[in-house]
Amino acid sequence: MTVDVFQAIADPNRRHILEELRRRPRTVNELAEGLPISRPAVSQHLKALLDSGLVTVTSQGTSRIYTVRLDGFMHINLWVDQFWS
């Protein structure tokens, strides 16, 4: 299932997650510490961000590390750029 990038960034919790991941890669637990939502809810938000191509995940031992996928933002950049032309 693919989630539209604009739907993915519409949620304030997902935008917060992206801001945190912009600073450095993090685990679900690290991300959950800064949000007023449960760890399972953070995981659901990360799934939407993964499905939209805005983040990637890698396994490191028993941890899953989430990172911003810069090329995933290309669709957003192209759409916004048309307004500056």
N, C-alpha and C. Protein backbone atom coordinates (compact mmCIF):
# COMPACT_ATOMS: atom_id res chain seq x y z
N MET A 1 0.84 -1.19 0.00
CA MET A 1 0.00 0.00 0.00
C MET A 1 0.88 1.24 0.00
N THR A 2 0.55 2.20 -0.83
CA THR A 2 1.29 3.44 -0.90
C THR A 2 0.44 4.56 -0.33
N VAL A 3 1.04 5.36 0.53
CA VAL A 3 0.36 6.50 1.14
C VAL A 3 0.84 7.76 0.42
N ASP A 4 -0.07 8.63 0.04
CA ASP A 4 0.27 9.90 -0.58
C ASP A 4 1.14 10.71 0.38
N VAL A 5 2.23 11.30 -0.11
CA VAL A 5 3.14 12.04 0.76
C VAL A 5 2.45 13.21 1.44
N PHE A 6 1.51 13.83 0.78
CA PHE A 6 0.81 14.96 1.38
C PHE A 6 -0.10 14.50 2.53
N GLN A 7 -0.70 13.33 2.39
CA GLN A 7 -1.48 12.77 3.50
C GLN A 7 -0.55 12.40 4.65
N ALA A 8 0.62 11.89 4.31
CA ALA A 8 1.57 11.48 5.34
C ALA A 8 2.04 12.66 6.17
N ILE A 9 2.30 13.79 5.54
CA ILE A 9 2.81 14.94 6.30
C ILE A 9 1.69 15.81 6.89
N ALA A 10 0.44 15.46 6.60
CA ALA A 10 -0.68 16.24 7.14
C ALA A 10 -0.83 16.06 8.64
N ASP A 11 -0.39 14.94 9.17
CA ASP A 11 -0.54 14.66 10.59
C ASP A 11 0.59 15.33 11.38
N PRO A 12 0.26 16.10 12.44
CA PRO A 12 1.29 16.78 13.21
C PRO A 12 2.28 15.83 13.90
N ASN A 13 1.82 14.66 14.31
CA ASN A 13 2.72 13.70 14.94
C ASN A 13 3.76 13.19 13.92
N ARG A 14 3.33 13.00 12.69
CA ARG A 14 4.26 12.55 11.65
C ARG A 14 5.26 13.64 11.31
N ARG A 15 4.80 14.89 11.30
CA ARG A 15 5.74 15.98 11.05
C ARG A 15 6.77 16.07 12.17
N HIS A 16 6.33 15.85 13.40
CA HIS A 16 7.26 15.84 14.54
C HIS A 16 8.28 14.70 14.37
N ILE A 17 7.81 13.54 13.99
CA ILE A 17 8.70 12.39 13.77
C ILE A 17 9.72 12.73 12.69
N LEU A 18 9.28 13.33 11.59
CA LEU A 18 10.21 13.71 10.53
C LEU A 18 11.24 14.72 11.01
N GLU A 19 10.81 15.68 11.83
CA GLU A 19 11.76 16.65 12.38
C GLU A 19 12.82 15.95 13.24
N GLU A 20 12.38 15.01 14.04
CA GLU A 20 13.33 14.27 14.88
C GLU A 20 14.29 13.45 14.03
N LEU A 21 13.76 12.80 13.00
CA LEU A 21 14.60 11.98 12.13
C LEU A 21 15.52 12.84 11.27
N ARG A 22 15.14 14.06 11.02
CA ARG A 22 16.01 14.98 10.27
C ARG A 22 17.29 15.25 11.05
N ARG A 23 17.18 15.27 12.36
CA ARG A 23 18.35 15.53 13.21
C ARG A 23 19.29 14.34 13.26
N ARG A 24 18.70 13.14 13.36
CA ARG A 24 19.51 11.91 13.37
C ARG A 24 18.58 10.71 13.31
N PRO A 25 19.09 9.57 12.83
CA PRO A 25 18.29 8.33 12.83
C PRO A 25 17.91 7.94 14.26
N ARG A 26 16.74 7.33 14.40
CA ARG A 26 16.23 6.96 15.74
C ARG A 26 15.43 5.67 15.69
N THR A 27 15.27 5.08 16.85
CA THR A 27 14.42 3.90 17.02
C THR A 27 13.01 4.36 17.37
N VAL A 28 12.07 3.43 17.34
CA VAL A 28 10.69 3.74 17.73
C VAL A 28 10.65 4.23 19.17
N ASN A 29 11.39 3.56 20.05
CA ASN A 29 11.39 3.95 21.46
C ASN A 29 11.91 5.38 21.64
N GLU A 30 12.97 5.73 20.93
CA GLU A 30 13.50 7.09 21.03
C GLU A 30 12.48 8.11 20.53
N LEU A 31 11.80 7.79 19.47
CA LEU A 31 10.79 8.70 18.93
C LEU A 31 9.59 8.82 19.87
N ALA A 32 9.20 7.73 20.48
CA ALA A 32 8.04 7.73 21.38
C ALA A 32 8.27 8.57 22.62
N GLU A 33 9.53 8.69 23.04
CA GLU A 33 9.85 9.48 24.24
C GLU A 33 9.44 10.94 24.07
N GLY A 34 9.48 11.48 22.86
CA GLY A 34 9.18 12.89 22.64
C GLY A 34 7.75 13.17 22.22
N LEU A 35 6.90 12.17 22.23
CA LEU A 35 5.52 12.36 21.78
C LEU A 35 4.51 11.95 22.85
N PRO A 36 3.36 12.60 22.88
CA PRO A 36 2.32 12.25 23.85
C PRO A 36 1.42 11.10 23.36
N ILE A 37 1.98 10.20 22.57
CA ILE A 37 1.22 9.06 22.06
C ILE A 37 1.99 7.78 22.39
N SER A 38 1.31 6.66 22.29
CA SER A 38 1.92 5.38 22.66
C SER A 38 2.95 4.93 21.62
N ARG A 39 3.78 3.99 22.03
CA ARG A 39 4.77 3.40 21.13
C ARG A 39 4.10 2.73 19.93
N PRO A 40 3.00 1.96 20.14
CA PRO A 40 2.32 1.38 18.97
C PRO A 40 1.79 2.45 18.01
N ALA A 41 1.34 3.58 18.54
CA ALA A 41 0.86 4.67 17.68
C ALA A 41 2.03 5.24 16.86
N VAL A 42 3.20 5.38 17.49
CA VAL A 42 4.39 5.86 16.77
C VAL A 42 4.72 4.88 15.65
N SER A 43 4.63 3.59 15.94
CA SER A 43 4.90 2.57 14.92
C SER A 43 3.94 2.69 13.74
N GLN A 44 2.67 2.98 14.02
CA GLN A 44 1.68 3.14 12.94
C GLN A 44 2.01 4.37 12.09
N HIS A 45 2.42 5.46 12.75
CA HIS A 45 2.81 6.65 12.01
C HIS A 45 4.05 6.37 11.16
N LEU A 46 5.01 5.64 11.71
CA LEU A 46 6.21 5.29 10.94
C LEU A 46 5.86 4.42 9.74
N LYS A 47 4.88 3.55 9.88
CA LYS A 47 4.46 2.72 8.75
C LYS A 47 3.92 3.60 7.63
N ALA A 48 3.12 4.60 7.98
CA ALA A 48 2.60 5.51 6.95
C ALA A 48 3.74 6.28 6.28
N LEU A 49 4.73 6.69 7.06
CA LEU A 49 5.87 7.41 6.50
C LEU A 49 6.71 6.48 5.62
N LEU A 50 6.83 5.23 6.02
CA LEU A 50 7.53 4.24 5.19
C LEU A 50 6.78 4.01 3.89
N ASP A 51 5.46 3.82 3.98
CA ASP A 51 4.64 3.56 2.80
C ASP A 51 4.60 4.74 1.83
N SER A 52 4.85 5.93 2.35
CA SER A 52 4.87 7.11 1.48
C SER A 52 6.26 7.37 0.91
N GLY A 53 7.25 6.61 1.37
CA GLY A 53 8.62 6.75 0.87
C GLY A 53 9.41 7.87 1.51
N LEU A 54 8.92 8.41 2.64
CA LEU A 54 9.61 9.51 3.30
C LEU A 54 10.67 9.06 4.30
N VAL A 55 10.59 7.82 4.76
CA VAL A 55 11.60 7.28 5.67
C VAL A 55 12.00 5.88 5.22
N THR A 56 13.14 5.45 5.70
CA THR A 56 13.60 4.08 5.49
C THR A 56 13.90 3.48 6.86
N VAL A 57 14.01 2.16 6.88
CA VAL A 57 14.32 1.47 8.13
C VAL A 57 15.39 0.42 7.86
N THR A 58 16.31 0.30 8.80
CA THR A 58 17.33 -0.74 8.74
C THR A 58 17.37 -1.45 10.08
N SER A 59 17.72 -2.71 10.04
CA SER A 59 17.85 -3.48 11.28
C SER A 59 19.29 -3.43 11.74
N GLN A 60 19.44 -3.23 13.03
CA GLN A 60 20.75 -3.21 13.65
C GLN A 60 20.62 -4.03 14.94
N GLY A 61 21.01 -5.29 14.85
CA GLY A 61 20.77 -6.19 15.98
C GLY A 61 19.28 -6.41 16.12
N THR A 62 18.76 -6.14 17.32
CA THR A 62 17.32 -6.27 17.55
C THR A 62 16.58 -4.96 17.36
N SER A 63 17.31 -3.90 17.02
CA SER A 63 16.69 -2.58 16.85
C SER A 63 16.40 -2.30 15.38
N ARG A 64 15.36 -1.52 15.18
CA ARG A 64 15.04 -1.03 13.84
C ARG A 64 15.29 0.47 13.88
N ILE A 65 16.18 0.92 13.00
CA ILE A 65 16.59 2.32 12.97
C ILE A 65 15.91 3.02 11.79
N TYR A 66 15.20 4.10 12.08
CA TYR A 66 14.48 4.86 11.06
C TYR A 66 15.28 6.10 10.67
N THR A 67 15.27 6.40 9.37
CA THR A 67 16.03 7.51 8.81
C THR A 67 15.18 8.22 7.77
N VAL A 68 15.35 9.53 7.66
CA VAL A 68 14.68 10.29 6.60
C VAL A 68 15.25 9.85 5.25
N ARG A 69 14.37 9.67 4.30
CA ARG A 69 14.77 9.31 2.93
C ARG A 69 14.64 10.56 2.08
N LEU A 70 15.75 11.24 1.86
CA LEU A 70 15.72 12.53 1.18
C LEU A 70 15.09 12.47 -0.20
N ASP A 71 15.35 11.42 -0.96
CA ASP A 71 14.74 11.34 -2.29
C ASP A 71 13.23 11.15 -2.21
N GLY A 72 12.72 10.75 -1.06
CA GLY A 72 11.29 10.63 -0.88
C GLY A 72 10.58 11.98 -0.87
N PHE A 73 11.34 13.03 -0.62
CA PHE A 73 10.77 14.37 -0.58
C PHE A 73 10.77 15.04 -1.96
N MET A 74 11.28 14.37 -2.98
CA MET A 74 11.36 14.95 -4.31
C MET A 74 9.98 15.35 -4.84
N HIS A 75 8.97 14.52 -4.62
CA HIS A 75 7.61 14.84 -5.10
C HIS A 75 7.12 16.13 -4.47
N ILE A 76 7.36 16.29 -3.18
CA ILE A 76 6.95 17.51 -2.48
C ILE A 76 7.72 18.70 -3.04
N ASN A 77 9.03 18.54 -3.20
CA ASN A 77 9.86 19.63 -3.72
C ASN A 77 9.40 20.07 -5.10
N LEU A 78 9.14 19.12 -5.98
CA LEU A 78 8.70 19.45 -7.33
C LEU A 78 7.37 20.20 -7.31
N TRP A 79 6.47 19.77 -6.45
CA TRP A 79 5.16 20.41 -6.38
C TRP A 79 5.29 21.83 -5.85
N VAL A 80 6.07 22.02 -4.81
CA VAL A 80 6.23 23.37 -4.23
C VAL A 80 6.99 24.27 -5.18
N ASP A 81 8.00 23.75 -5.84
CA ASP A 81 8.82 24.55 -6.75
C ASP A 81 8.01 25.20 -7.87
N GLN A 82 6.93 24.57 -8.28
CA GLN A 82 6.14 25.15 -9.37
C GLN A 82 5.54 26.51 -8.99
N PHE A 83 5.41 26.78 -7.69
CA PHE A 83 4.84 28.04 -7.25
C PHE A 83 5.87 29.17 -7.24
N TRP A 84 7.15 28.83 -7.37
CA TRP A 84 8.21 29.84 -7.39
C TRP A 84 8.57 30.22 -8.81
N SER A 85 8.01 29.52 -9.78
CA SER A 85 8.34 29.82 -11.19
C SER A 85 7.57 30.99 -11.72
